[in-house]
C-alpha atoms as a PDB file:
ATOM      1  CA  UNK A   1     -52.692   2.922  -7.952  1.00  0.00           C
ATOM      2  CA  UNK A   2     -51.561   5.837  -8.829  1.00  0.00           C
ATOM      3  CA  UNK A   3     -48.142   7.189  -9.101  1.00  0.00           C
ATOM      4  CA  UNK A   4     -47.397   8.680  -5.961  1.00  0.00           C
ATOM      5  CA  UNK A   5     -48.736   5.046  -4.351  1.00  0.00           C
ATOM      6  CA  UNK A   6     -46.614   3.262  -6.777  1.00  0.00           C
ATOM      7  CA  UNK A   7     -43.317   5.405  -6.172  1.00  0.00           C
ATOM      8  CA  UNK A   8     -44.333   4.742  -2.206  1.00  0.00           C
ATOM      9  CA  UNK A   9     -44.332   1.354  -2.656  1.00  0.00           C
ATOM     10  CA  UNK A  10     -40.962   1.334  -4.466  1.00  0.00           C
ATOM     11  CA  UNK A  11     -39.230   3.100  -1.553  1.00  0.00           C
ATOM     12  CA  UNK A  12     -40.958   1.242   1.222  1.00  0.00           C
ATOM     13  CA  UNK A  13     -40.561  -2.347  -0.387  1.00  0.00           C
ATOM     14  CA  UNK A  14     -37.131  -1.976  -2.352  1.00  0.00           C
ATOM     15  CA  UNK A  15     -35.219   1.147  -0.395  1.00  0.00           C
ATOM     16  CA  UNK A  16     -35.036   2.718  -4.060  1.00  0.00           C
ATOM     17  CA  UNK A  17     -35.957   6.668  -4.869  1.00  0.00           C
ATOM     18  CA  UNK A  18     -36.469   7.306  -8.274  1.00  0.00           C
ATOM     19  CA  UNK A  19     -33.905   9.194 -10.169  1.00  0.00           C
ATOM     20  CA  UNK A  20     -34.883  12.133 -12.283  1.00  0.00           C
ATOM     21  CA  UNK A  21     -32.493  11.656 -15.568  1.00  0.00           C
ATOM     22  CA  UNK A  22     -33.695  14.272 -17.870  1.00  0.00           C
ATOM     23  CA  UNK A  23     -33.875  17.890 -17.356  1.00  0.00           C
ATOM     24  CA  UNK A  24     -36.621  18.308 -19.818  1.00  0.00           C
ATOM     25  CA  UNK A  25     -38.976  15.382 -18.535  1.00  0.00           C
ATOM     26  CA  UNK A  26     -39.007  15.813 -14.886  1.00  0.00           C
ATOM     27  CA  UNK A  27     -41.904  13.805 -14.642  1.00  0.00           C
ATOM     28  CA  UNK A  28     -39.701  10.797 -15.587  1.00  0.00           C
ATOM     29  CA  UNK A  29     -38.654   8.794 -13.016  1.00  0.00           C
ATOM     30  CA  UNK A  30     -36.056   5.678 -13.298  1.00  0.00           C
ATOM     31  CA  UNK A  31     -35.716   3.029 -10.412  1.00  0.00           C
ATOM     32  CA  UNK A  32     -32.588   0.772 -10.342  1.00  0.00           C
ATOM     33  CA  UNK A  33     -31.922  -2.304  -8.700  1.00  0.00           C
ATOM     34  CA  UNK A  34     -29.172  -1.423  -6.437  1.00  0.00           C
ATOM     35  CA  UNK A  35     -27.254  -4.925  -6.972  1.00  0.00           C
ATOM     36  CA  UNK A  36     -27.022  -4.634 -10.471  1.00  0.00           C
ATOM     37  CA  UNK A  37     -27.705  -0.666 -11.197  1.00  0.00           C
ATOM     38  CA  UNK A  38     -29.978  -1.764 -14.049  1.00  0.00           C
ATOM     39  CA  UNK A  39     -33.597  -0.477 -14.205  1.00  0.00           C
ATOM     40  CA  UNK A  40     -36.396  -2.232 -13.101  1.00  0.00           C
ATOM     41  CA  UNK A  41     -38.683   0.439 -13.490  1.00  0.00           C
ATOM     42  CA  UNK A  42     -39.895   3.702 -15.408  1.00  0.00           C
ATOM     43  CA  UNK A  43     -42.435   6.059 -14.427  1.00  0.00           C
ATOM     44  CA  UNK A  44     -43.592   8.655 -16.781  1.00  0.00           C
ATOM     45  CA  UNK A  45     -46.519  11.036 -17.879  1.00  0.00           C
ATOM     46  CA  UNK A  46     -46.981  10.399 -21.497  1.00  0.00           C
ATOM     47  CA  UNK A  47     -49.811  11.312 -23.768  1.00  0.00           C
ATOM     48  CA  UNK A  48     -52.557   8.934 -23.546  1.00  0.00           C
ATOM     49  CA  UNK A  49     -52.361   8.547 -27.330  1.00  0.00           C
ATOM     50  CA  UNK A  50     -49.281   6.734 -27.376  1.00  0.00           C
ATOM     51  CA  UNK A  51     -50.763   3.700 -25.821  1.00  0.00           C
ATOM     52  CA  UNK A  52     -54.159   3.943 -27.650  1.00  0.00           C
ATOM     53  CA  UNK A  53     -56.098   5.802 -25.155  1.00  0.00           C
ATOM     54  CA  UNK A  54     -57.070   8.813 -26.797  1.00  0.00           C
ATOM     55  CA  UNK A  55     -56.910  12.564 -25.805  1.00  0.00           C
ATOM     56  CA  UNK A  56     -54.928  13.694 -22.490  1.00  0.00           C
ATOM     57  CA  UNK A  57     -52.229  12.351 -20.338  1.00  0.00           C
ATOM     58  CA  UNK A  58     -51.677   9.405 -18.231  1.00  0.00           C
ATOM     59  CA  UNK A  59     -48.816   8.121 -15.417  1.00  0.00           C
ATOM     60  CA  UNK A  60     -47.746   4.888 -16.756  1.00  0.00           C
ATOM     61  CA  UNK A  61     -44.710   2.722 -15.420  1.00  0.00           C
ATOM     62  CA  UNK A  62     -42.962   0.307 -17.635  1.00  0.00           C
ATOM     63  CA  UNK A  63     -41.616  -2.696 -15.931  1.00  0.00           C
ATOM     64  CA  UNK A  64     -39.549  -5.765 -17.474  1.00  0.00           C
ATOM     65  CA  UNK A  65     -40.636  -9.174 -17.569  1.00  0.00           C
ATOM     66  CA  UNK A  66     -40.803 -12.830 -19.072  1.00  0.00           C
ATOM     67  CA  UNK A  67     -41.324 -12.593 -22.950  1.00  0.00           C
ATOM     68  CA  UNK A  68     -44.152 -15.243 -22.089  1.00  0.00           C
ATOM     69  CA  UNK A  69     -45.806 -13.715 -19.475  1.00  0.00           C
ATOM     70  CA  UNK A  70     -46.192 -10.323 -21.544  1.00  0.00           C
ATOM     71  CA  UNK A  71     -47.839 -12.203 -24.191  1.00  0.00           C
ATOM     72  CA  UNK A  72     -50.030 -13.663 -21.670  1.00  0.00           C
ATOM     73  CA  UNK A  73     -50.977 -10.450 -19.518  1.00  0.00           C
ATOM     74  CA  UNK A  74     -51.702  -7.814 -22.370  1.00  0.00           C
ATOM     75  CA  UNK A  75     -54.944  -8.514 -22.774  1.00  0.00           C
ATOM     76  CA  UNK A  76     -55.668  -7.203 -18.629  1.00  0.00           C
ATOM     77  CA  UNK A  77     -56.857  -3.827 -17.871  1.00  0.00           C
ATOM     78  CA  UNK A  78     -54.262  -1.247 -17.423  1.00  0.00           C
ATOM     79  CA  UNK A  79     -51.390  -3.279 -19.566  1.00  0.00           C
ATOM     80  CA  UNK A  80     -50.354  -2.218 -22.619  1.00  0.00           C
ATOM     81  CA  UNK A  81     -47.482  -3.115 -24.933  1.00  0.00           C
ATOM     82  CA  UNK A  82     -44.243  -1.065 -23.893  1.00  0.00           C
ATOM     83  CA  UNK A  83     -44.043   2.310 -24.396  1.00  0.00           C
ATOM     84  CA  UNK A  84     -40.491   3.553 -25.908  1.00  0.00           C
ATOM     85  CA  UNK A  85     -38.889  -0.005 -24.276  1.00  0.00           C
ATOM     86  CA  UNK A  86     -38.510  -3.285 -26.304  1.00  0.00           C
ATOM     87  CA  UNK A  87     -41.875  -4.563 -25.812  1.00  0.00           C
ATOM     88  CA  UNK A  88     -40.496  -8.068 -26.208  1.00  0.00           C
ATOM     89  CA  UNK A  89     -39.034  -7.523 -22.501  1.00  0.00           C
ATOM     90  CA  UNK A  90     -40.942  -4.523 -21.230  1.00  0.00           C
ATOM     91  CA  UNK A  91     -44.815  -3.973 -20.488  1.00  0.00           C
ATOM     92  CA  UNK A  92     -46.434  -0.481 -19.822  1.00  0.00           C
ATOM     93  CA  UNK A  93     -48.659  -0.615 -16.471  1.00  0.00           C
ATOM     94  CA  UNK A  94     -51.322   2.628 -16.129  1.00  0.00           C
ATOM     95  CA  UNK A  95     -51.191   4.092 -12.957  1.00  0.00           C
ATOM     96  CA  UNK A  96     -54.923   5.525 -13.022  1.00  0.00           C
ATOM     97  CA  UNK A  97     -56.329   2.794 -11.014  1.00  0.00           C
ATOM     98  CA  UNK A  98     -57.111   0.757 -14.098  1.00  0.00           C
ATOM     99  CA  UNK A  99     -54.446  -2.157 -13.227  1.00  0.00           C
ATOM    100  CA  UNK A 100     -55.215  -4.395 -10.193  1.00  0.00           C
ATOM    101  CA  UNK A 101     -52.706  -3.299  -7.163  1.00  0.00           C
ATOM    102  CA  UNK A 102     -51.476  -6.686  -6.408  1.00  0.00           C
ATOM    103  CA  UNK A 103     -50.955  -7.234 -10.285  1.00  0.00           C
ATOM    104  CA  UNK A 104     -48.937  -4.083 -10.321  1.00  0.00           C
ATOM    105  CA  UNK A 105     -47.114  -5.117  -6.863  1.00  0.00           C
ATOM    106  CA  UNK A 106     -46.259  -8.894  -8.547  1.00  0.00           C
ATOM    107  CA  UNK A 107     -44.899  -7.135 -11.553  1.00  0.00           C
ATOM    108  CA  UNK A 108     -42.710  -4.971 -10.221  1.00  0.00           C
ATOM    109  CA  UNK A 109     -41.213  -7.788  -7.908  1.00  0.00           C
ATOM    110  CA  UNK A 110     -40.651  -9.924 -11.137  1.00  0.00           C
ATOM    111  CA  UNK A 111     -39.006  -6.752 -12.575  1.00  0.00           C
ATOM    112  CA  UNK A 112     -37.090  -6.438  -9.335  1.00  0.00           C
ATOM    113  CA  UNK A 113     -35.733 -10.045  -9.796  1.00  0.00           C
ATOM    114  CA  UNK A 114     -34.990  -9.978 -13.380  1.00  0.00           C
ATOM    115  CA  UNK A 115     -32.641  -6.769 -12.852  1.00  0.00           C
ATOM    116  CA  UNK A 116     -30.695  -8.078  -9.904  1.00  0.00           C
ATOM    117  CA  UNK A 117     -27.301  -9.455 -10.149  1.00  0.00           C
ATOM    118  CA  UNK A 118     -26.919 -13.055 -11.098  1.00  0.00           C
ATOM    119  CA  UNK A 119     -24.295 -14.963  -8.981  1.00  0.00           C
ATOM    120  CA  UNK A 120     -20.744 -15.102 -10.381  1.00  0.00           C
ATOM    121  CA  UNK A 121     -19.835 -18.841 -11.318  1.00  0.00           C
ATOM    122  CA  UNK A 122     -16.594 -19.750  -9.995  1.00  0.00           C
ATOM    123  CA  UNK A 123     -14.077 -21.782 -12.439  1.00  0.00           C
END
């Protein structure tokens, strides 16, 4: 899955478009869960060296996940410790075809679910 396919998947599945929050970085887009306003994804174009891949640039997306799941998933192709986010709760996924599309979709769903509003408790 590439960046455009990811953004199209998010738009069609969650009816959410990426927000461009930084004038200096127009290629960065954040995706908010409509129920809470919390970010569930942050797509970026970064230098490959920032995630240990050498020269050039790469499109990636940061997704929130359970810390135990992240630890289990990190050896998977196309997955990296979170770039520029809390590495305990976020994971970086390459959008260059190296990560399995179904895994990207599952991780996106998990992130969306983790950022949803929690039902309020009545006292």
